[in-house]
Amino acid sequence: MIRKLLGQHYLSETEPVPSRRRLIQAGLGACAMLALPMTATSVHAAIRKPYEKKLSFLNLHTGERTRATYWANGRYIPEGLRAINHVLRDHRTNERSTIDPYLFDFLHQLQYRLRINQEFHVISAYRSPATNAKLAEQSSGVAKNSLHTLGKAIDIRLPGRKLSDLRTAALSLQMGGVGYYPSSNFIHIDSGRVRFW
């Protein structure tokens, strides 16, 4: 293939050679960016501002609320995780477990997809094996080996948002399991394999 030398770059004959107008536009764009006023303080703030992930929950059974930063600057925050784990405990037995942080990431992405910053209303999160066994006896809709017992599932709703929109957004993320329970007004999401029902 014949190549032509253009400055330091080689182009094939099929590649378009940048027009003079495009080169001038690119140069003017770069100059405009450099000319924008930016103080040393604003540059410093832009570089040092941490990226944070926050979640808010209302446990509908206990009335407890939390708004916690659970991740910042590339790491999970133990204090934030503890605050969330406390509110998401088994309200029947008061047992607490470590909730899978990936489940929090799923919820955070769901917030982002829906462009919301409101609290999730929690119907069920962690369930002790004893609680889950009791519920499974009472309802065929409760799995005997539920991911709730592993801290990998949560049942939620968002006031003011259609449950179907919440489900659609969760399904679009393809981050785990999504169950739809319109008659009980909640969706189930979990950090297991991607599936839906």
N, C-alpha and C. Protein backbone atom coordinates (compact mmCIF):
# COMPACT_ATOMS: atom_id res chain seq x y z
N MET A 1 0.85 -1.18 0.00
CA MET A 1 0.00 0.00 0.00
C MET A 1 0.90 1.24 0.00
N ILE A 2 0.55 2.16 -0.87
CA ILE A 2 1.35 3.39 -0.97
C ILE A 2 0.97 4.32 0.17
N ARG A 3 1.95 4.86 0.83
CA ARG A 3 1.69 5.79 1.94
C ARG A 3 2.29 7.15 1.62
N LYS A 4 1.66 8.16 2.16
CA LYS A 4 2.18 9.52 1.98
C LYS A 4 2.62 10.04 3.34
N LEU A 5 3.67 10.77 3.34
CA LEU A 5 4.17 11.35 4.57
C LEU A 5 3.50 12.70 4.79
N LEU A 6 2.87 12.85 5.96
CA LEU A 6 2.23 14.12 6.31
C LEU A 6 2.75 14.51 7.69
N GLY A 7 3.72 15.41 7.73
CA GLY A 7 4.35 15.75 8.99
C GLY A 7 5.04 14.51 9.53
N GLN A 8 4.64 14.07 10.73
CA GLN A 8 5.21 12.88 11.34
C GLN A 8 4.32 11.66 11.13
N HIS A 9 3.15 11.82 10.48
CA HIS A 9 2.18 10.74 10.39
C HIS A 9 2.10 10.17 8.99
N TYR A 10 1.97 8.87 8.89
CA TYR A 10 1.75 8.21 7.62
C TYR A 10 0.28 7.92 7.46
N LEU A 11 -0.27 8.22 6.30
CA LEU A 11 -1.67 7.95 6.02
C LEU A 11 -1.78 7.06 4.79
N SER A 12 -2.72 6.14 4.79
CA SER A 12 -2.96 5.36 3.58
C SER A 12 -3.74 6.23 2.62
N GLU A 13 -3.78 5.86 1.36
CA GLU A 13 -4.49 6.67 0.38
C GLU A 13 -5.98 6.69 0.63
N THR A 14 -6.49 5.70 1.35
CA THR A 14 -7.93 5.64 1.62
C THR A 14 -8.32 6.50 2.83
N GLU A 15 -7.35 6.87 3.68
CA GLU A 15 -7.66 7.71 4.83
C GLU A 15 -7.75 9.16 4.40
N PRO A 16 -8.74 9.90 4.89
CA PRO A 16 -8.86 11.31 4.51
C PRO A 16 -7.74 12.14 5.14
N VAL A 17 -7.21 13.03 4.36
CA VAL A 17 -6.19 13.95 4.86
C VAL A 17 -6.92 15.09 5.56
N PRO A 18 -6.56 15.41 6.79
CA PRO A 18 -7.26 16.48 7.50
C PRO A 18 -7.18 17.79 6.72
N SER A 19 -8.33 18.47 6.58
CA SER A 19 -8.35 19.73 5.85
C SER A 19 -7.70 20.81 6.71
N ARG A 20 -7.28 21.87 6.03
CA ARG A 20 -6.66 22.99 6.73
C ARG A 20 -7.65 23.61 7.72
N ARG A 21 -8.93 23.67 7.29
CA ARG A 21 -9.97 24.24 8.14
C ARG A 21 -10.10 23.44 9.44
N ARG A 22 -10.09 22.10 9.36
CA ARG A 22 -10.21 21.25 10.56
C ARG A 22 -9.02 21.45 11.49
N LEU A 23 -7.82 21.55 10.93
CA LEU A 23 -6.64 21.76 11.76
C LEU A 23 -6.71 23.10 12.49
N ILE A 24 -7.19 24.14 11.79
CA ILE A 24 -7.32 25.46 12.41
C ILE A 24 -8.37 25.43 13.51
N GLN A 25 -9.53 24.74 13.25
CA GLN A 25 -10.58 24.64 14.26
C GLN A 25 -10.07 23.92 15.51
N ALA A 26 -9.33 22.84 15.32
CA ALA A 26 -8.79 22.10 16.46
C ALA A 26 -7.82 22.97 17.26
N GLY A 27 -6.99 23.72 16.57
CA GLY A 27 -6.04 24.60 17.25
C GLY A 27 -6.72 25.70 18.02
N LEU A 28 -7.77 26.31 17.42
CA LEU A 28 -8.51 27.36 18.11
C LEU A 28 -9.24 26.80 19.34
N GLY A 29 -9.78 25.57 19.22
CA GLY A 29 -10.45 24.94 20.36
C GLY A 29 -9.50 24.73 21.51
N ALA A 30 -8.29 24.28 21.20
CA ALA A 30 -7.28 24.06 22.26
C ALA A 30 -6.90 25.39 22.91
N CYS A 31 -6.74 26.44 22.11
CA CYS A 31 -6.40 27.76 22.66
C CYS A 31 -7.51 28.29 23.56
N ALA A 32 -8.76 28.07 23.15
CA ALA A 32 -9.89 28.54 23.96
C ALA A 32 -9.91 27.86 25.32
N MET A 33 -9.63 26.55 25.34
CA MET A 33 -9.60 25.83 26.61
C MET A 33 -8.51 26.37 27.53
N LEU A 34 -7.36 26.68 26.96
CA LEU A 34 -6.26 27.21 27.76
C LEU A 34 -6.56 28.60 28.28
N ALA A 35 -7.39 29.35 27.55
CA ALA A 35 -7.68 30.73 27.94
C ALA A 35 -8.74 30.82 29.03
N LEU A 36 -9.46 29.72 29.32
CA LEU A 36 -10.50 29.76 30.35
C LEU A 36 -9.91 30.09 31.71
N PRO A 37 -10.54 30.98 32.45
CA PRO A 37 -9.99 31.32 33.77
C PRO A 37 -10.18 30.16 34.75
N MET A 38 -9.12 29.78 35.40
CA MET A 38 -9.19 28.74 36.42
C MET A 38 -8.17 29.06 37.49
N THR A 39 -8.67 29.25 38.68
CA THR A 39 -7.76 29.60 39.77
C THR A 39 -7.04 28.34 40.24
N ALA A 40 -5.97 28.55 40.95
CA ALA A 40 -5.23 27.41 41.52
C ALA A 40 -6.11 26.65 42.49
N THR A 41 -6.97 27.37 43.22
CA THR A 41 -7.87 26.73 44.18
C THR A 41 -8.85 25.81 43.48
N SER A 42 -9.45 26.27 42.37
CA SER A 42 -10.44 25.45 41.67
C SER A 42 -9.79 24.22 41.03
N VAL A 43 -8.56 24.37 40.54
CA VAL A 43 -7.84 23.21 39.99
C VAL A 43 -7.58 22.21 41.10
N HIS A 44 -7.12 22.71 42.25
CA HIS A 44 -6.82 21.86 43.40
C HIS A 44 -8.08 21.13 43.87
N ALA A 45 -9.20 21.86 43.93
CA ALA A 45 -10.45 21.25 44.38
C ALA A 45 -10.93 20.19 43.40
N ALA A 46 -10.78 20.47 42.10
CA ALA A 46 -11.22 19.51 41.09
C ALA A 46 -10.41 18.22 41.16
N ILE A 47 -9.15 18.34 41.46
CA ILE A 47 -8.28 17.16 41.53
C ILE A 47 -8.55 16.37 42.81
N ARG A 48 -8.77 17.04 43.93
CA ARG A 48 -8.87 16.36 45.22
C ARG A 48 -10.28 15.94 45.61
N LYS A 49 -11.31 16.43 44.87
CA LYS A 49 -12.68 16.09 45.26
C LYS A 49 -12.89 14.58 45.14
N PRO A 50 -13.27 13.93 46.23
CA PRO A 50 -13.43 12.48 46.19
C PRO A 50 -14.72 12.07 45.50
N TYR A 51 -14.66 10.93 44.85
CA TYR A 51 -15.87 10.36 44.28
C TYR A 51 -16.49 9.48 45.35
N GLU A 52 -17.75 9.72 45.65
CA GLU A 52 -18.41 8.99 46.73
C GLU A 52 -19.67 8.30 46.22
N LYS A 53 -19.99 7.19 46.87
CA LYS A 53 -21.25 6.50 46.61
C LYS A 53 -22.04 6.51 47.91
N LYS A 54 -23.26 7.04 47.83
CA LYS A 54 -24.11 7.14 49.01
C LYS A 54 -25.42 6.43 48.74
N LEU A 55 -26.01 5.89 49.78
CA LEU A 55 -27.33 5.28 49.70
C LEU A 55 -28.15 5.69 50.91
N SER A 56 -29.47 5.77 50.70
CA SER A 56 -30.40 6.07 51.79
C SER A 56 -31.45 4.98 51.86
N PHE A 57 -31.79 4.58 53.09
CA PHE A 57 -32.77 3.53 53.31
C PHE A 57 -33.73 3.91 54.41
N LEU A 58 -34.99 3.47 54.26
CA LEU A 58 -35.98 3.51 55.32
C LEU A 58 -36.46 2.08 55.50
N ASN A 59 -36.23 1.51 56.68
CA ASN A 59 -36.73 0.18 56.99
C ASN A 59 -38.20 0.33 57.39
N LEU A 60 -39.10 -0.21 56.58
CA LEU A 60 -40.53 -0.02 56.80
C LEU A 60 -41.04 -0.74 58.05
N HIS A 61 -40.29 -1.71 58.56
CA HIS A 61 -40.72 -2.45 59.75
C HIS A 61 -40.28 -1.78 61.05
N THR A 62 -39.11 -1.16 61.05
CA THR A 62 -38.59 -0.55 62.28
C THR A 62 -38.71 0.97 62.28
N GLY A 63 -38.91 1.55 61.10
CA GLY A 63 -38.96 3.01 60.99
C GLY A 63 -37.58 3.66 61.00
N GLU A 64 -36.53 2.85 61.04
CA GLU A 64 -35.16 3.40 61.07
C GLU A 64 -34.73 3.85 59.69
N ARG A 65 -33.94 4.92 59.70
CA ARG A 65 -33.42 5.48 58.45
C ARG A 65 -31.90 5.58 58.54
N THR A 66 -31.29 5.55 57.37
CA THR A 66 -29.86 5.88 57.30
C THR A 66 -29.57 6.47 55.93
N ARG A 67 -28.63 7.39 55.91
CA ARG A 67 -28.04 7.88 54.67
C ARG A 67 -26.55 7.80 54.91
N ALA A 68 -25.91 6.93 54.15
CA ALA A 68 -24.49 6.66 54.43
C ALA A 68 -23.66 6.65 53.16
N THR A 69 -22.45 7.14 53.29
CA THR A 69 -21.45 7.00 52.24
C THR A 69 -20.80 5.64 52.47
N TYR A 70 -20.98 4.74 51.52
CA TYR A 70 -20.44 3.39 51.72
C TYR A 70 -19.18 3.14 50.89
N TRP A 71 -18.84 4.07 49.99
CA TRP A 71 -17.65 3.91 49.15
C TRP A 71 -17.12 5.30 48.82
N ALA A 72 -15.81 5.48 48.91
CA ALA A 72 -15.18 6.75 48.54
C ALA A 72 -13.71 6.53 48.25
N ASN A 73 -13.21 7.29 47.31
CA ASN A 73 -11.79 7.26 46.96
C ASN A 73 -11.28 5.84 46.67
N GLY A 74 -12.10 5.06 45.99
CA GLY A 74 -11.66 3.74 45.56
C GLY A 74 -11.76 2.64 46.59
N ARG A 75 -12.46 2.87 47.70
CA ARG A 75 -12.57 1.80 48.71
C ARG A 75 -13.90 1.89 49.44
N TYR A 76 -14.33 0.75 49.95
CA TYR A 76 -15.53 0.70 50.77
C TYR A 76 -15.23 1.29 52.14
N ILE A 77 -16.20 1.99 52.70
CA ILE A 77 -16.05 2.67 53.97
C ILE A 77 -16.70 1.82 55.07
N PRO A 78 -15.91 1.25 55.98
CA PRO A 78 -16.47 0.37 57.02
C PRO A 78 -17.60 1.00 57.83
N GLU A 79 -17.47 2.27 58.21
CA GLU A 79 -18.50 2.93 59.02
C GLU A 79 -19.82 3.01 58.25
N GLY A 80 -19.73 3.35 56.98
CA GLY A 80 -20.93 3.43 56.15
C GLY A 80 -21.58 2.07 55.96
N LEU A 81 -20.78 1.06 55.73
CA LEU A 81 -21.30 -0.30 55.57
C LEU A 81 -21.98 -0.76 56.85
N ARG A 82 -21.37 -0.47 58.01
CA ARG A 82 -21.96 -0.86 59.29
C ARG A 82 -23.32 -0.19 59.51
N ALA A 83 -23.40 1.10 59.18
CA ALA A 83 -24.66 1.84 59.36
C ALA A 83 -25.77 1.23 58.50
N ILE A 84 -25.43 0.89 57.26
CA ILE A 84 -26.43 0.29 56.37
C ILE A 84 -26.79 -1.12 56.84
N ASN A 85 -25.78 -1.92 57.21
CA ASN A 85 -26.05 -3.28 57.68
C ASN A 85 -26.98 -3.29 58.89
N HIS A 86 -26.83 -2.28 59.75
CA HIS A 86 -27.69 -2.21 60.94
C HIS A 86 -29.16 -2.01 60.55
N VAL A 87 -29.42 -1.08 59.65
CA VAL A 87 -30.79 -0.79 59.24
C VAL A 87 -31.39 -1.95 58.43
N LEU A 88 -30.54 -2.71 57.73
CA LEU A 88 -31.03 -3.81 56.89
C LEU A 88 -31.03 -5.16 57.61
N ARG A 89 -30.89 -5.14 58.94
CA ARG A 89 -30.86 -6.39 59.69
C ARG A 89 -32.22 -7.08 59.68
N ASP A 90 -32.26 -8.31 60.16
CA ASP A 90 -33.51 -9.06 60.31
C ASP A 90 -34.28 -8.44 61.47
N HIS A 91 -35.37 -7.76 61.17
CA HIS A 91 -36.12 -7.06 62.23
C HIS A 91 -36.87 -8.02 63.14
N ARG A 92 -37.07 -9.25 62.70
CA ARG A 92 -37.80 -10.22 63.52
C ARG A 92 -36.93 -10.77 64.66
N THR A 93 -35.65 -11.01 64.34
CA THR A 93 -34.74 -11.59 65.34
C THR A 93 -33.70 -10.59 65.84
N ASN A 94 -33.63 -9.44 65.17
CA ASN A 94 -32.63 -8.41 65.46
C ASN A 94 -31.21 -8.86 65.09
N GLU A 95 -31.09 -9.93 64.32
CA GLU A 95 -29.77 -10.40 63.88
C GLU A 95 -29.29 -9.54 62.72
N ARG A 96 -28.01 -9.27 62.74
CA ARG A 96 -27.38 -8.46 61.71
C ARG A 96 -26.38 -9.32 60.96
N SER A 97 -26.21 -9.04 59.69
CA SER A 97 -25.23 -9.75 58.89
C SER A 97 -24.53 -8.75 57.97
N THR A 98 -23.44 -9.16 57.40
CA THR A 98 -22.75 -8.32 56.43
C THR A 98 -23.46 -8.45 55.09
N ILE A 99 -23.95 -7.34 54.59
CA ILE A 99 -24.62 -7.32 53.29
C ILE A 99 -23.53 -7.22 52.21
N ASP A 100 -23.73 -7.95 51.14
CA ASP A 100 -22.78 -7.96 50.03
C ASP A 100 -22.64 -6.54 49.46
N PRO A 101 -21.44 -5.96 49.48
CA PRO A 101 -21.26 -4.60 48.94
C PRO A 101 -21.65 -4.48 47.46
N TYR A 102 -21.56 -5.58 46.72
CA TYR A 102 -21.96 -5.53 45.31
C TYR A 102 -23.46 -5.21 45.19
N LEU A 103 -24.24 -5.65 46.17
CA LEU A 103 -25.67 -5.32 46.18
C LEU A 103 -25.85 -3.81 46.31
N PHE A 104 -25.01 -3.18 47.13
CA PHE A 104 -25.07 -1.72 47.27
C PHE A 104 -24.69 -1.05 45.95
N ASP A 105 -23.70 -1.62 45.25
CA ASP A 105 -23.32 -1.06 43.95
C ASP A 105 -24.48 -1.17 42.95
N PHE A 106 -25.20 -2.29 43.01
CA PHE A 106 -26.38 -2.49 42.17
C PHE A 106 -27.41 -1.38 42.45
N LEU A 107 -27.68 -1.15 43.74
CA LEU A 107 -28.63 -0.11 44.12
C LEU A 107 -28.15 1.28 43.71
N HIS A 108 -26.87 1.52 43.85
CA HIS A 108 -26.30 2.82 43.46
C HIS A 108 -26.46 3.04 41.96
N GLN A 109 -26.19 2.01 41.17
CA GLN A 109 -26.36 2.11 39.72
C GLN A 109 -27.84 2.31 39.36
N LEU A 110 -28.71 1.68 40.14
CA LEU A 110 -30.14 1.84 39.91
C LEU A 110 -30.55 3.30 40.14
N GLN A 111 -30.04 3.90 41.22
CA GLN A 111 -30.28 5.33 41.47
C GLN A 111 -29.82 6.17 40.30
N TYR A 112 -28.62 5.88 39.83
CA TYR A 112 -28.04 6.65 38.73
C TYR A 112 -28.89 6.50 37.47
N ARG A 113 -29.31 5.28 37.18
CA ARG A 113 -30.12 5.03 35.99
C ARG A 113 -31.44 5.77 36.05
N LEU A 114 -32.04 5.82 37.23
CA LEU A 114 -33.33 6.50 37.40
C LEU A 114 -33.19 8.00 37.64
N ARG A 115 -31.95 8.46 37.83
CA ARG A 115 -31.65 9.86 38.11
C ARG A 115 -32.38 10.34 39.36
N ILE A 116 -32.21 9.57 40.41
CA ILE A 116 -32.86 9.90 41.68
C ILE A 116 -31.82 9.91 42.80
N ASN A 117 -32.20 10.51 43.91
CA ASN A 117 -31.33 10.53 45.08
C ASN A 117 -32.16 10.33 46.34
N GLN A 118 -33.28 9.61 46.21
CA GLN A 118 -34.17 9.43 47.35
C GLN A 118 -33.91 8.10 48.04
N GLU A 119 -34.50 7.94 49.20
CA GLU A 119 -34.25 6.72 49.96
C GLU A 119 -35.08 5.55 49.43
N PHE A 120 -34.48 4.38 49.52
CA PHE A 120 -35.18 3.15 49.18
C PHE A 120 -36.01 2.73 50.38
N HIS A 121 -37.25 2.37 50.14
CA HIS A 121 -38.09 1.80 51.20
C HIS A 121 -37.86 0.29 51.19
N VAL A 122 -37.45 -0.24 52.33
CA VAL A 122 -37.02 -1.63 52.43
C VAL A 122 -38.11 -2.48 53.06
N ILE A 123 -38.54 -3.51 52.33
CA ILE A 123 -39.50 -4.47 52.85
C ILE A 123 -38.76 -5.61 53.54
N SER A 124 -37.68 -6.06 52.91
CA SER A 124 -36.88 -7.14 53.49
C SER A 124 -35.47 -7.07 52.94
N ALA A 125 -34.50 -7.30 53.80
CA ALA A 125 -33.10 -7.37 53.36
C ALA A 125 -32.51 -8.65 53.94
N TYR A 126 -31.64 -8.53 54.95
CA TYR A 126 -31.10 -9.75 55.55
C TYR A 126 -32.21 -10.49 56.29
N ARG A 127 -32.22 -11.83 56.13
CA ARG A 127 -33.12 -12.69 56.91
C ARG A 127 -32.29 -13.79 57.52
N SER A 128 -32.45 -14.01 58.79
CA SER A 128 -31.76 -15.15 59.43
C SER A 128 -32.34 -16.43 58.83
N PRO A 129 -31.57 -17.52 58.86
CA PRO A 129 -32.11 -18.80 58.37
C PRO A 129 -33.42 -19.20 59.05
N ALA A 130 -33.54 -18.91 60.37
CA ALA A 130 -34.77 -19.25 61.10
C ALA A 130 -35.96 -18.44 60.58
N THR A 131 -35.76 -17.15 60.36
CA THR A 131 -36.83 -16.31 59.82
C THR A 131 -37.22 -16.77 58.44
N ASN A 132 -36.22 -17.06 57.60
CA ASN A 132 -36.51 -17.48 56.24
C ASN A 132 -37.29 -18.80 56.21
N ALA A 133 -36.93 -19.72 57.10
CA ALA A 133 -37.63 -21.01 57.16
C ALA A 133 -39.09 -20.80 57.55
N LYS A 134 -39.35 -19.91 58.50
CA LYS A 134 -40.74 -19.61 58.91
C LYS A 134 -41.53 -19.02 57.76
N LEU A 135 -40.92 -18.06 57.06
CA LEU A 135 -41.60 -17.41 55.94
C LEU A 135 -41.85 -18.40 54.80
N ALA A 136 -40.90 -19.30 54.57
CA ALA A 136 -41.05 -20.30 53.51
C ALA A 136 -42.21 -21.25 53.80
N GLU A 137 -42.45 -21.53 55.09
CA GLU A 137 -43.59 -22.36 55.49
C GLU A 137 -44.92 -21.68 55.20
N GLN A 138 -44.92 -20.35 55.33
CA GLN A 138 -46.15 -19.58 55.16
C GLN A 138 -46.44 -19.20 53.72
N SER A 139 -45.41 -19.16 52.88
CA SER A 139 -45.61 -18.70 51.49
C SER A 139 -44.73 -19.47 50.52
N SER A 140 -45.32 -19.84 49.41
CA SER A 140 -44.55 -20.54 48.37
C SER A 140 -43.63 -19.57 47.61
N GLY A 141 -43.85 -18.26 47.82
CA GLY A 141 -43.02 -17.26 47.14
C GLY A 141 -41.68 -17.03 47.81
N VAL A 142 -41.44 -17.69 48.94
CA VAL A 142 -40.16 -17.52 49.65
C VAL A 142 -39.29 -18.74 49.38
N ALA A 143 -38.12 -18.52 48.80
CA ALA A 143 -37.20 -19.63 48.48
C ALA A 143 -36.58 -20.18 49.75
N LYS A 144 -36.48 -21.50 49.82
CA LYS A 144 -35.89 -22.13 51.01
C LYS A 144 -34.41 -21.77 51.16
N ASN A 145 -33.72 -21.63 50.05
CA ASN A 145 -32.30 -21.23 50.07
C ASN A 145 -32.16 -19.79 49.57
N SER A 146 -32.92 -18.91 50.15
CA SER A 146 -32.97 -17.52 49.71
C SER A 146 -31.63 -16.81 49.85
N LEU A 147 -31.34 -15.96 48.88
CA LEU A 147 -30.14 -15.12 48.97
C LEU A 147 -30.26 -14.08 50.07
N HIS A 148 -31.46 -13.86 50.58
CA HIS A 148 -31.63 -12.96 51.73
C HIS A 148 -30.83 -13.48 52.93
N THR A 149 -30.73 -14.80 53.08
CA THR A 149 -30.02 -15.36 54.23
C THR A 149 -28.51 -15.19 54.12
N LEU A 150 -28.04 -14.85 52.92
CA LEU A 150 -26.60 -14.62 52.70
C LEU A 150 -26.27 -13.13 52.63
N GLY A 151 -27.27 -12.28 52.84
CA GLY A 151 -27.03 -10.83 52.73
C GLY A 151 -26.81 -10.40 51.29
N LYS A 152 -27.44 -11.11 50.36
CA LYS A 152 -27.23 -10.81 48.94
C LYS A 152 -28.52 -10.40 48.24
N ALA A 153 -29.57 -10.08 49.00
CA ALA A 153 -30.85 -9.73 48.38
C ALA A 153 -31.57 -8.67 49.21
N ILE A 154 -32.40 -7.91 48.51
CA ILE A 154 -33.19 -6.87 49.16
C ILE A 154 -34.49 -6.69 48.38
N ASP A 155 -35.58 -6.44 49.11
CA ASP A 155 -36.88 -6.15 48.51
C ASP A 155 -37.18 -4.68 48.78
N ILE A 156 -37.45 -3.94 47.71
CA ILE A 156 -37.55 -2.48 47.83
C ILE A 156 -38.70 -1.91 47.01
N ARG A 157 -39.02 -0.67 47.33
CA ARG A 157 -39.88 0.16 46.49
C ARG A 157 -39.38 1.59 46.59
N LEU A 158 -39.81 2.44 45.69
CA LEU A 158 -39.46 3.86 45.73
C LEU A 158 -40.76 4.67 45.67
N PRO A 159 -41.10 5.38 46.73
CA PRO A 159 -42.33 6.17 46.70
C PRO A 159 -42.29 7.20 45.57
N GLY A 160 -43.43 7.32 44.91
CA GLY A 160 -43.51 8.30 43.83
C GLY A 160 -43.00 7.80 42.49
N ARG A 161 -42.47 6.58 42.46
CA ARG A 161 -41.99 6.00 41.20
C ARG A 161 -42.80 4.75 40.89
N LYS A 162 -43.11 4.56 39.61
CA LYS A 162 -43.84 3.36 39.22
C LYS A 162 -42.96 2.14 39.46
N LEU A 163 -43.56 1.10 40.01
CA LEU A 163 -42.82 -0.13 40.27
C LEU A 163 -42.30 -0.73 38.96
N SER A 164 -43.08 -0.61 37.90
CA SER A 164 -42.67 -1.14 36.60
C SER A 164 -41.42 -0.41 36.07
N ASP A 165 -41.31 0.90 36.34
CA ASP A 165 -40.11 1.66 35.93
C ASP A 165 -38.88 1.20 36.72
N LEU A 166 -39.10 0.94 38.00
CA LEU A 166 -38.02 0.46 38.86
C LEU A 166 -37.51 -0.89 38.35
N ARG A 167 -38.45 -1.77 38.01
CA ARG A 167 -38.10 -3.09 37.48
C ARG A 167 -37.35 -2.97 36.16
N THR A 168 -37.86 -2.15 35.24
CA THR A 168 -37.23 -1.98 33.93
C THR A 168 -35.80 -1.49 34.08
N ALA A 169 -35.60 -0.51 34.96
CA ALA A 169 -34.26 0.04 35.18
C ALA A 169 -33.33 -1.03 35.76
N ALA A 170 -33.83 -1.80 36.73
CA ALA A 170 -33.00 -2.85 37.34
C ALA A 170 -32.63 -3.92 36.33
N LEU A 171 -33.59 -4.31 35.49
CA LEU A 171 -33.31 -5.32 34.45
C LEU A 171 -32.27 -4.82 33.45
N SER A 172 -32.34 -3.54 33.11
CA SER A 172 -31.42 -2.98 32.11
C SER A 172 -29.98 -3.00 32.58
N LEU A 173 -29.76 -3.01 33.89
CA LEU A 173 -28.40 -2.99 34.42
C LEU A 173 -27.70 -4.34 34.28
N GLN A 174 -28.46 -5.43 34.24
CA GLN A 174 -27.88 -6.77 34.10
C GLN A 174 -26.81 -7.03 35.16
N MET A 175 -27.12 -6.69 36.41
CA MET A 175 -26.14 -6.85 37.49
C MET A 175 -26.46 -7.98 38.45
N GLY A 176 -27.64 -8.60 38.29
CA GLY A 176 -28.03 -9.68 39.20
C GLY A 176 -29.47 -10.05 38.97
N GLY A 177 -30.08 -10.70 39.97
CA GLY A 177 -31.46 -11.13 39.86
C GLY A 177 -32.44 -10.01 40.11
N VAL A 178 -33.58 -10.06 39.39
CA VAL A 178 -34.64 -9.07 39.56
C VAL A 178 -35.98 -9.80 39.58
N GLY A 179 -36.70 -9.67 40.69
CA GLY A 179 -38.03 -10.24 40.81
C GLY A 179 -39.07 -9.13 40.89
N TYR A 180 -40.23 -9.36 40.30
CA TYR A 180 -41.27 -8.34 40.21
C TYR A 180 -42.51 -8.82 40.96
N TYR A 181 -42.93 -8.06 41.98
CA TYR A 181 -44.07 -8.43 42.81
C TYR A 181 -45.05 -7.27 42.88
N PRO A 182 -45.77 -7.00 41.79
CA PRO A 182 -46.67 -5.83 41.78
C PRO A 182 -47.81 -5.92 42.78
N SER A 183 -48.29 -7.12 43.08
CA SER A 183 -49.40 -7.23 44.03
C SER A 183 -48.96 -6.88 45.45
N SER A 184 -47.67 -7.03 45.74
CA SER A 184 -47.13 -6.66 47.05
C SER A 184 -46.38 -5.33 47.01
N ASN A 185 -46.33 -4.72 45.82
CA ASN A 185 -45.71 -3.41 45.62
C ASN A 185 -44.23 -3.37 45.99
N PHE A 186 -43.43 -4.32 45.47
CA PHE A 186 -41.99 -4.25 45.63
C PHE A 186 -41.30 -5.03 44.52
N ILE A 187 -40.03 -4.70 44.34
CA ILE A 187 -39.18 -5.55 43.49
C ILE A 187 -38.09 -6.14 44.37
N HIS A 188 -37.64 -7.30 43.97
CA HIS A 188 -36.53 -7.98 44.64
C HIS A 188 -35.32 -7.80 43.74
N ILE A 189 -34.20 -7.43 44.32
CA ILE A 189 -32.95 -7.46 43.55
C ILE A 189 -31.92 -8.21 44.38
N ASP A 190 -31.03 -8.89 43.68
CA ASP A 190 -29.99 -9.61 44.40
C ASP A 190 -28.70 -9.59 43.61
N SER A 191 -27.62 -9.97 44.30
CA SER A 191 -26.30 -9.97 43.68
C SER A 191 -25.90 -11.35 43.19
N GLY A 192 -26.90 -12.19 42.94
CA GLY A 192 -26.64 -13.50 42.36
C GLY A 192 -26.48 -13.38 40.84
N ARG A 193 -26.67 -14.50 40.15
CA ARG A 193 -26.53 -14.47 38.69
C ARG A 193 -27.66 -13.66 38.07
N VAL A 194 -27.43 -13.19 36.86
CA VAL A 194 -28.43 -12.38 36.16
C VAL A 194 -29.60 -13.27 35.74
N ARG A 195 -30.79 -12.92 36.21
CA ARG A 195 -32.01 -13.65 35.88
C ARG A 195 -33.18 -12.77 36.28
N PHE A 196 -34.39 -13.16 35.89
CA PHE A 196 -35.56 -12.37 36.28
C PHE A 196 -36.79 -13.26 36.36
N TRP A 197 -37.76 -12.81 37.12
CA TRP A 197 -39.04 -13.51 37.25
C TRP A 197 -40.12 -12.51 37.60
